[in-house]
C-alpha atoms as a PDB file:
ATOM      1  CA  MET A   1     107.974 -23.721  -0.767  1.00  0.00           C
ATOM      2  CA  ARG A   2     104.784 -23.600   1.298  1.00  0.00           C
ATOM      3  CA  LEU A   3     103.395 -19.985   1.710  1.00  0.00           C
ATOM      4  CA  ILE A   4     103.617 -18.574   5.451  1.00  0.00           C
ATOM      5  CA  LEU A   5     100.131 -18.159   6.603  1.00  0.00           C
ATOM      6  CA  LEU A   6      99.205 -14.600   6.193  1.00  0.00           C
ATOM      7  CA  PHE A   7      98.176 -13.806   9.699  1.00  0.00           C
ATOM      8  CA  CYS A   8      99.807 -13.901  13.382  1.00  0.00           C
ATOM      9  CA  LEU A   9      98.864 -14.493  16.594  1.00  0.00           C
ATOM     10  CA  THR A  10     100.281 -12.065  19.460  1.00  0.00           C
ATOM     11  CA  LEU A  11      99.776 -12.893  22.764  1.00  0.00           C
ATOM     12  CA  LEU A  12      99.619  -8.793  23.435  1.00  0.00           C
ATOM     13  CA  THR A  13      96.983  -7.383  20.744  1.00  0.00           C
ATOM     14  CA  GLY A  14      95.187 -10.274  18.958  1.00  0.00           C
ATOM     15  CA  CYS A  15      96.462 -10.011  15.555  1.00  0.00           C
ATOM     16  CA  ASN A  16      98.170  -6.795  15.351  1.00  0.00           C
ATOM     17  CA  PRO A  17     102.138  -7.095  14.649  1.00  0.00           C
ATOM     18  CA  GLY A  18     102.817  -5.456  18.039  1.00  0.00           C
ATOM     19  CA  PRO A  19     105.413  -2.865  18.738  1.00  0.00           C
ATOM     20  CA  SER A  20     108.359  -2.264  16.409  1.00  0.00           C
ATOM     21  CA  ASN A  21     110.909  -4.197  19.273  1.00  0.00           C
ATOM     22  CA  ALA A  22     108.361  -7.147  19.689  1.00  0.00           C
ATOM     23  CA  LEU A  23     110.331 -10.776  19.567  1.00  0.00           C
ATOM     24  CA  ARG A  24     108.510 -12.487  16.519  1.00  0.00           C
ATOM     25  CA  VAL A  25     108.892 -16.239  17.550  1.00  0.00           C
ATOM     26  CA  GLY A  26     107.770 -18.660  14.457  1.00  0.00           C
ATOM     27  CA  MET A  27     106.557 -21.925  15.082  1.00  0.00           C
ATOM     28  CA  GLU A  28     104.104 -24.451  13.802  1.00  0.00           C
ATOM     29  CA  LEU A  29     101.114 -24.253  16.427  1.00  0.00           C
ATOM     30  CA  ASN A  30     100.158 -28.062  15.090  1.00  0.00           C
ATOM     31  CA  TYR A  31     102.336 -30.155  17.797  1.00  0.00           C
ATOM     32  CA  PRO A  32     100.919 -30.403  20.984  1.00  0.00           C
ATOM     33  CA  PRO A  33     101.872 -30.124  23.945  1.00  0.00           C
ATOM     34  CA  PHE A  34     104.891 -28.151  22.844  1.00  0.00           C
ATOM     35  CA  GLU A  35     103.227 -25.853  20.143  1.00  0.00           C
ATOM     36  CA  THR A  36      99.249 -25.902  20.101  1.00  0.00           C
ATOM     37  CA  GLN A  37      96.194 -23.426  20.900  1.00  0.00           C
ATOM     38  CA  ASP A  38      94.208 -23.631  23.971  1.00  0.00           C
ATOM     39  CA  SER A  39      90.363 -23.721  23.756  1.00  0.00           C
ATOM     40  CA  SER A  40      89.961 -19.663  22.873  1.00  0.00           C
ATOM     41  CA  GLY A  41      92.546 -20.108  19.992  1.00  0.00           C
ATOM     42  CA  LYS A  42      95.191 -18.560  21.694  1.00  0.00           C
ATOM     43  CA  PRO A  43      98.628 -19.826  21.243  1.00  0.00           C
ATOM     44  CA  ASP A  44      99.786 -22.643  23.999  1.00  0.00           C
ATOM     45  CA  GLY A  45     102.096 -25.318  24.990  1.00  0.00           C
ATOM     46  CA  VAL A  46     105.829 -25.651  26.272  1.00  0.00           C
ATOM     47  CA  SER A  47     107.236 -23.731  23.220  1.00  0.00           C
ATOM     48  CA  VAL A  48     104.933 -21.130  23.825  1.00  0.00           C
ATOM     49  CA  LYS A  49     105.988 -20.970  27.619  1.00  0.00           C
ATOM     50  CA  ILE A  50     109.281 -20.650  26.848  1.00  0.00           C
ATOM     51  CA  ALA A  51     108.723 -17.829  24.288  1.00  0.00           C
ATOM     52  CA  GLU A  52     107.185 -15.912  26.880  1.00  0.00           C
ATOM     53  CA  ALA A  53     109.659 -16.406  29.788  1.00  0.00           C
ATOM     54  CA  LEU A  54     112.599 -15.610  26.918  1.00  0.00           C
ATOM     55  CA  ALA A  55     110.822 -12.521  25.958  1.00  0.00           C
ATOM     56  CA  ALA A  56     110.317 -11.313  29.815  1.00  0.00           C
ATOM     57  CA  ASP A  57     113.801 -11.691  30.075  1.00  0.00           C
ATOM     58  CA  LEU A  58     114.960  -9.590  27.232  1.00  0.00           C
ATOM     59  CA  GLY A  59     112.277  -7.048  28.318  1.00  0.00           C
ATOM     60  CA  ARG A  60     110.651  -7.181  24.746  1.00  0.00           C
ATOM     61  CA  PRO A  61     107.174  -7.836  24.030  1.00  0.00           C
ATOM     62  CA  LEU A  62     106.160 -11.155  22.297  1.00  0.00           C
ATOM     63  CA  THR A  63     104.598 -11.973  19.063  1.00  0.00           C
ATOM     64  CA  ILE A  64     103.807 -15.793  17.907  1.00  0.00           C
ATOM     65  CA  VAL A  65     104.172 -15.874  14.292  1.00  0.00           C
ATOM     66  CA  PRO A  66     102.291 -19.310  13.141  1.00  0.00           C
ATOM     67  CA  MET A  67     103.438 -21.023  10.207  1.00  0.00           C
ATOM     68  CA  GLU A  68     104.280 -24.558   8.381  1.00  0.00           C
ATOM     69  CA  PHE A  69     107.002 -26.279   9.832  1.00  0.00           C
ATOM     70  CA  GLY A  70     108.779 -26.390   6.498  1.00  0.00           C
ATOM     71  CA  SER A  71     108.612 -22.677   6.126  1.00  0.00           C
ATOM     72  CA  LEU A  72     110.149 -21.596   9.221  1.00  0.00           C
ATOM     73  CA  THR A  73     113.770 -21.473   8.186  1.00  0.00           C
ATOM     74  CA  THR A  74     113.090 -19.505   5.331  1.00  0.00           C
ATOM     75  CA  ALA A  75     111.001 -17.000   7.291  1.00  0.00           C
ATOM     76  CA  LEU A  76     114.401 -16.522   9.625  1.00  0.00           C
ATOM     77  CA  LYS A  77     116.793 -16.168   6.903  1.00  0.00           C
ATOM     78  CA  SER A  78     114.733 -13.726   5.255  1.00  0.00           C
ATOM     79  CA  GLY A  79     113.946 -11.708   8.431  1.00  0.00           C
ATOM     80  CA  ASN A  80     110.442 -12.363   8.721  1.00  0.00           C
ATOM     81  CA  ILE A  81     110.655 -13.577  12.344  1.00  0.00           C
ATOM     82  CA  ASP A  82     113.502 -13.691  14.911  1.00  0.00           C
ATOM     83  CA  LEU A  83     113.894 -16.929  16.396  1.00  0.00           C
ATOM     84  CA  ILE A  84     112.189 -20.161  15.917  1.00  0.00           C
ATOM     85  CA  ILE A  85     111.118 -22.188  18.835  1.00  0.00           C
ATOM     86  CA  SER A  86     109.041 -24.839  17.098  1.00  0.00           C
ATOM     87  CA  SER A  87     110.999 -28.237  18.634  1.00  0.00           C
ATOM     88  CA  LEU A  88     113.355 -27.530  16.054  1.00  0.00           C
ATOM     89  CA  THR A  89     116.391 -30.508  15.782  1.00  0.00           C
ATOM     90  CA  ALA A  90     119.720 -28.576  15.976  1.00  0.00           C
ATOM     91  CA  THR A  91     121.408 -30.276  12.887  1.00  0.00           C
ATOM     92  CA  ASP A  92     124.625 -29.997  10.954  1.00  0.00           C
ATOM     93  CA  GLU A  93     122.580 -29.178   7.863  1.00  0.00           C
ATOM     94  CA  ARG A  94     120.428 -26.421   9.340  1.00  0.00           C
ATOM     95  CA  ARG A  95     123.824 -25.170  11.123  1.00  0.00           C
ATOM     96  CA  GLN A  96     124.929 -24.207   7.537  1.00  0.00           C
ATOM     97  CA  THR A  97     122.248 -21.301   7.039  1.00  0.00           C
ATOM     98  CA  ILE A  98     120.928 -20.593  10.626  1.00  0.00           C
ATOM     99  CA  ASP A  99     122.177 -20.581  13.934  1.00  0.00           C
ATOM    100  CA  PHE A 100     121.300 -22.602  17.223  1.00  0.00           C
ATOM    101  CA  SER A 101     121.194 -21.738  20.714  1.00  0.00           C
ATOM    102  CA  GLU A 102     122.514 -24.247  23.483  1.00  0.00           C
ATOM    103  CA  PRO A 103     120.016 -27.619  23.408  1.00  0.00           C
ATOM    104  CA  TYR A 104     116.897 -27.210  25.785  1.00  0.00           C
ATOM    105  CA  ALA A 105     115.466 -30.775  24.919  1.00  0.00           C
ATOM    106  CA  PHE A 106     117.160 -34.211  23.937  1.00  0.00           C
ATOM    107  CA  THR A 107     114.922 -36.494  22.166  1.00  0.00           C
ATOM    108  CA  ALA A 108     115.309 -39.316  19.565  1.00  0.00           C
ATOM    109  CA  LEU A 109     113.439 -41.090  16.720  1.00  0.00           C
ATOM    110  CA  ALA A 110     111.208 -43.879  16.967  1.00  0.00           C
ATOM    111  CA  LEU A 111     108.745 -45.909  15.402  1.00  0.00           C
ATOM    112  CA  LEU A 112     104.995 -46.176  15.344  1.00  0.00           C
ATOM    113  CA  VAL A 113     103.972 -49.492  13.774  1.00  0.00           C
ATOM    114  CA  ALA A 114     100.721 -51.850  13.393  1.00  0.00           C
ATOM    115  CA  LYS A 115      99.764 -54.029  16.592  1.00  0.00           C
ATOM    116  CA  ASP A 116     100.236 -57.106  14.643  1.00  0.00           C
ATOM    117  CA  SER A 117     103.251 -55.617  12.635  1.00  0.00           C
ATOM    118  CA  PRO A 118     106.375 -58.282  12.513  1.00  0.00           C
ATOM    119  CA  ILE A 119     108.522 -54.923  12.444  1.00  0.00           C
ATOM    120  CA  GLN A 120     110.623 -54.981  15.918  1.00  0.00           C
ATOM    121  CA  SER A 121     113.500 -52.711  15.146  1.00  0.00           C
ATOM    122  CA  ILE A 122     114.708 -49.865  12.657  1.00  0.00           C
ATOM    123  CA  ASP A 123     116.421 -52.771  10.808  1.00  0.00           C
ATOM    124  CA  ASP A 124     113.405 -54.734   9.768  1.00  0.00           C
ATOM    125  CA  LEU A 125     112.778 -51.778   7.927  1.00  0.00           C
ATOM    126  CA  LYS A 126     115.875 -52.110   5.568  1.00  0.00           C
ATOM    127  CA  SER A 127     114.341 -53.655   2.298  1.00  0.00           C
ATOM    128  CA  PRO A 128     112.547 -52.195  -0.634  1.00  0.00           C
ATOM    129  CA  ASP A 129     109.500 -54.170  -0.123  1.00  0.00           C
ATOM    130  CA  ARG A 130     109.092 -52.182   3.113  1.00  0.00           C
ATOM    131  CA  ARG A 131     107.169 -48.576   3.129  1.00  0.00           C
ATOM    132  CA  LEU A 132     107.667 -45.911   5.769  1.00  0.00           C
ATOM    133  CA  ALA A 133     105.417 -42.568   6.344  1.00  0.00           C
ATOM    134  CA  VAL A 134     107.290 -39.538   7.287  1.00  0.00           C
ATOM    135  CA  LYS A 135     106.563 -35.943   8.231  1.00  0.00           C
ATOM    136  CA  SER A 136     108.084 -33.418   5.361  1.00  0.00           C
ATOM    137  CA  SER A 137     111.120 -31.320   6.215  1.00  0.00           C
ATOM    138  CA  THR A 138     111.610 -33.194   9.632  1.00  0.00           C
ATOM    139  CA  THR A 139     114.948 -34.954  10.705  1.00  0.00           C
ATOM    140  CA  GLY A 140     112.854 -38.370  10.571  1.00  0.00           C
ATOM    141  CA  GLU A 141     112.791 -37.403   6.894  1.00  0.00           C
ATOM    142  CA  SER A 142     116.381 -36.515   6.512  1.00  0.00           C
ATOM    143  CA  TRP A 143     117.131 -39.869   8.480  1.00  0.00           C
ATOM    144  CA  ALA A 144     115.233 -41.765   6.341  1.00  0.00           C
ATOM    145  CA  THR A 145     116.493 -40.553   3.005  1.00  0.00           C
ATOM    146  CA  LYS A 146     120.169 -41.281   4.398  1.00  0.00           C
ATOM    147  CA  ASN A 147     119.821 -44.480   6.227  1.00  0.00           C
ATOM    148  CA  LEU A 148     117.132 -46.263   4.419  1.00  0.00           C
ATOM    149  CA  PRO A 149     117.796 -45.750   0.885  1.00  0.00           C
ATOM    150  CA  ASN A 150     115.889 -48.707  -0.219  1.00  0.00           C
ATOM    151  CA  THR A 151     112.885 -48.561   1.806  1.00  0.00           C
ATOM    152  CA  LYS A 152     109.836 -47.031  -0.125  1.00  0.00           C
ATOM    153  CA  ARG A 153     109.041 -43.771   1.411  1.00  0.00           C
ATOM    154  CA  THR A 154     106.001 -41.196   1.600  1.00  0.00           C
ATOM    155  CA  ALA A 155     106.267 -38.009   3.150  1.00  0.00           C
ATOM    156  CA  PHE A 156     103.174 -36.207   4.422  1.00  0.00           C
ATOM    157  CA  SER A 157     102.577 -32.617   5.690  1.00  0.00           C
ATOM    158  CA  GLU A 158     100.636 -33.596   8.785  1.00  0.00           C
ATOM    159  CA  ASP A 159     101.299 -35.806  11.468  1.00  0.00           C
ATOM    160  CA  ALA A 160      97.829 -37.437  11.465  1.00  0.00           C
ATOM    161  CA  ALA A 161      98.174 -38.406   7.726  1.00  0.00           C
ATOM    162  CA  CYS A 162     101.333 -40.361   8.876  1.00  0.00           C
ATOM    163  CA  VAL A 163      99.580 -42.025  11.648  1.00  0.00           C
ATOM    164  CA  LEU A 164      96.517 -42.843   9.369  1.00  0.00           C
ATOM    165  CA  GLU A 165      99.115 -44.898   6.802  1.00  0.00           C
ATOM    166  CA  VAL A 166     100.105 -47.073   9.595  1.00  0.00           C
ATOM    167  CA  ILE A 167      96.561 -48.018  11.128  1.00  0.00           C
ATOM    168  CA  GLN A 168      94.864 -48.750   7.378  1.00  0.00           C
ATOM    169  CA  GLY A 169      98.194 -50.459   6.302  1.00  0.00           C
ATOM    170  CA  ARG A 170      99.600 -48.641   3.711  1.00  0.00           C
ATOM    171  CA  ALA A 171     103.151 -48.164   5.631  1.00  0.00           C
ATOM    172  CA  ASP A 172     104.785 -50.139   7.731  1.00  0.00           C
ATOM    173  CA  ALA A 173     106.008 -47.476   9.920  1.00  0.00           C
ATOM    174  CA  PHE A 174     105.808 -43.889  10.925  1.00  0.00           C
ATOM    175  CA  LEU A 175     109.273 -42.680  11.953  1.00  0.00           C
ATOM    176  CA  TYR A 176     109.180 -39.351  14.123  1.00  0.00           C
ATOM    177  CA  ASP A 177     110.269 -38.364  17.356  1.00  0.00           C
ATOM    178  CA  GLN A 178     109.896 -40.411  20.561  1.00  0.00           C
ATOM    179  CA  LEU A 179     107.494 -38.487  22.439  1.00  0.00           C
ATOM    180  CA  SER A 180     105.307 -37.896  19.618  1.00  0.00           C
ATOM    181  CA  ILE A 181     105.092 -41.425  18.702  1.00  0.00           C
ATOM    182  CA  TYR A 182     104.766 -42.177  22.300  1.00  0.00           C
ATOM    183  CA  ARG A 183     101.383 -40.044  22.292  1.00  0.00           C
ATOM    184  CA  TYR A 184     100.003 -41.458  18.887  1.00  0.00           C
ATOM    185  CA  GLN A 185     100.104 -44.770  20.182  1.00  0.00           C
ATOM    186  CA  LYS A 186      98.463 -43.779  23.436  1.00  0.00           C
ATOM    187  CA  LYS A 187      95.478 -42.439  21.240  1.00  0.00           C
ATOM    188  CA  ASN A 188      95.506 -45.751  19.241  1.00  0.00           C
ATOM    189  CA  PRO A 189      96.113 -48.533  21.508  1.00  0.00           C
ATOM    190  CA  ASP A 190      94.153 -51.170  19.591  1.00  0.00           C
ATOM    191  CA  THR A 191      96.039 -50.372  16.224  1.00  0.00           C
ATOM    192  CA  THR A 192      99.476 -49.833  17.036  1.00  0.00           C
ATOM    193  CA  ARG A 193     102.608 -50.522  18.818  1.00  0.00           C
ATOM    194  CA  ALA A 194     105.352 -47.881  19.932  1.00  0.00           C
ATOM    195  CA  LEU A 195     108.768 -49.021  19.355  1.00  0.00           C
ATOM    196  CA  LEU A 196     110.488 -46.185  21.807  1.00  0.00           C
ATOM    197  CA  LYS A 197     113.961 -47.742  22.001  1.00  0.00           C
ATOM    198  CA  PRO A 198     116.196 -45.237  20.500  1.00  0.00           C
ATOM    199  CA  PHE A 199     118.073 -45.787  17.474  1.00  0.00           C
ATOM    200  CA  THR A 200     119.563 -42.050  17.167  1.00  0.00           C
ATOM    201  CA  GLU A 201     119.648 -39.210  19.374  1.00  0.00           C
ATOM    202  CA  GLU A 202     118.909 -35.462  18.836  1.00  0.00           C
ATOM    203  CA  THR A 203     118.779 -32.199  20.624  1.00  0.00           C
ATOM    204  CA  TRP A 204     116.258 -29.470  19.875  1.00  0.00           C
ATOM    205  CA  ALA A 205     117.082 -25.667  20.025  1.00  0.00           C
ATOM    206  CA  ILE A 206     116.165 -22.243  19.436  1.00  0.00           C
ATOM    207  CA  GLY A 207     116.917 -21.086  16.061  1.00  0.00           C
ATOM    208  CA  LEU A 208     118.296 -17.882  15.102  1.00  0.00           C
ATOM    209  CA  ALA A 209     119.909 -16.041  12.349  1.00  0.00           C
ATOM    210  CA  LYS A 210     123.403 -15.820  11.438  1.00  0.00           C
ATOM    211  CA  GLY A 211     125.389 -12.672  12.571  1.00  0.00           C
ATOM    212  CA  THR A 212     123.353 -12.098  15.869  1.00  0.00           C
ATOM    213  CA  PRO A 213     126.190 -13.049  18.064  1.00  0.00           C
ATOM    214  CA  ASP A 214     124.862 -10.812  21.029  1.00  0.00           C
ATOM    215  CA  LEU A 215     121.247 -12.463  20.769  1.00  0.00           C
ATOM    216  CA  LEU A 216     122.676 -15.517  20.937  1.00  0.00           C
ATOM    217  CA  GLN A 217     124.566 -15.087  23.884  1.00  0.00           C
ATOM    218  CA  GLN A 218     121.383 -13.362  25.558  1.00  0.00           C
ATOM    219  CA  ILE A 219     119.446 -16.693  24.837  1.00  0.00           C
ATOM    220  CA  ASN A 220     121.959 -18.723  26.125  1.00  0.00           C
ATOM    221  CA  ALA A 221     122.089 -17.124  29.181  1.00  0.00           C
ATOM    222  CA  PHE A 222     118.189 -17.212  29.238  1.00  0.00           C
ATOM    223  CA  LEU A 223     118.373 -20.671  29.036  1.00  0.00           C
ATOM    224  CA  THR A 224     120.952 -21.486  32.138  1.00  0.00           C
ATOM    225  CA  LYS A 225     119.117 -19.384  34.307  1.00  0.00           C
ATOM    226  CA  PHE A 226     115.559 -20.857  33.442  1.00  0.00           C
ATOM    227  CA  ARG A 227     117.053 -24.722  33.891  1.00  0.00           C
ATOM    228  CA  ALA A 228     118.510 -23.338  37.531  1.00  0.00           C
ATOM    229  CA  SER A 229     115.067 -22.015  38.330  1.00  0.00           C
ATOM    230  CA  GLY A 230     113.248 -25.187  37.686  1.00  0.00           C
ATOM    231  CA  GLY A 231     111.628 -23.758  34.674  1.00  0.00           C
ATOM    232  CA  PHE A 232     111.848 -26.633  32.620  1.00  0.00           C
ATOM    233  CA  GLU A 233     110.866 -29.134  35.342  1.00  0.00           C
ATOM    234  CA  LYS A 234     107.943 -26.842  35.879  1.00  0.00           C
ATOM    235  CA  LEU A 235     106.886 -27.419  32.176  1.00  0.00           C
ATOM    236  CA  ALA A 236     107.352 -31.120  32.159  1.00  0.00           C
ATOM    237  CA  GLU A 237     104.714 -31.304  35.162  1.00  0.00           C
ATOM    238  CA  GLN A 238     102.525 -28.978  33.601  1.00  0.00           C
ATOM    239  CA  TYR A 239     102.174 -30.555  30.235  1.00  0.00           C
ATOM    240  CA  LEU A 240     104.020 -33.746  30.056  1.00  0.00           C
ATOM    241  CA  SER A 241     103.655 -35.629  33.596  1.00  0.00           C
ATOM    242  CA  GLU A 242     102.516 -38.842  32.209  1.00  0.00           C
ATOM    243  CA  GLU A 243     104.992 -38.944  29.343  1.00  0.00           C
ATOM    244  CA  LYS A 244     107.644 -38.433  32.099  1.00  0.00           C
ATOM    245  CA  ALA A 245     106.357 -41.049  34.231  1.00  0.00           C
ATOM    246  CA  ALA A 246     106.228 -43.351  31.370  1.00  0.00           C
ATOM    247  CA  MET A 247     109.578 -42.356  30.061  1.00  0.00           C
ATOM    248  CA  GLN A 248     111.132 -42.887  33.577  1.00  0.00           C
ATOM    249  CA  ALA A 249     109.702 -46.156  34.036  1.00  0.00           C
ATOM    250  CA  ALA A 250     111.006 -47.306  30.752  1.00  0.00           C
ATOM    251  CA  GLY A 251     114.669 -46.521  31.866  1.00  0.00           C
ATOM    252  CA  ILE A 252     114.817 -43.251  29.341  1.00  0.00           C
ATOM    253  CA  PRO A 253     115.940 -40.276  30.157  1.00  0.00           C
ATOM    254  CA  PHE A 254     113.171 -37.644  29.982  1.00  0.00           C
ATOM    255  CA  MET A 255     113.739 -35.146  27.319  1.00  0.00           C
ATOM    256  CA  LEU A 256     113.580 -31.634  29.148  1.00  0.00           C
ATOM    257  CA  ARG A 257     116.586 -31.368  31.280  1.00  0.00           C
END
């Protein structure tokens, strides 16, 4: 297990852990535009704005607790954080140890391949001579383990390492969420292609500890109000307007809805 970073970023008091009633939200601040930092180092992104709105709705001050993605569930179960809002897929495996809110985003797995690669679909990876890059502790890694047992897999803790594997020819594909694959292809248009046609769908939700039904009810009520008030539409326009237009042009429903 990776060590949780021994510092916190709070939206209220710098690195002070905040009041005892603070809503402590864990996230990996390395996944723009959902979880990232602005030019001054403060937490920013879609997930941060959702956390801010949720804390305000609950009447609690907010503390963002940054850590590596693979440590989030452990931190939640140990009581070091109250919630996970970090583009976390609600899987059956995770439901065995934590609870989830209603979904707030709908996405799919996709592939990043080299521009001149013969790979055209996920089926082209189902052989032992193919090599796949995945990010550790993600549903991409879990899906590949279950569905591509004959494919050589290498897991990395950073997205950038997976992209580099494809660009430098050490991997035939990077398996990750649809939106990220789109963005990485846009950053590397001369060397990569994005295969965005979904072959499996996922939902993102807020993770919380088991045995907290009142908090779960409050979170679900907040999500209903936030959606009805156009909150997700506003975040899409603020952070994802280009991606939303591209997905709609390709006939792919946009994820925040």
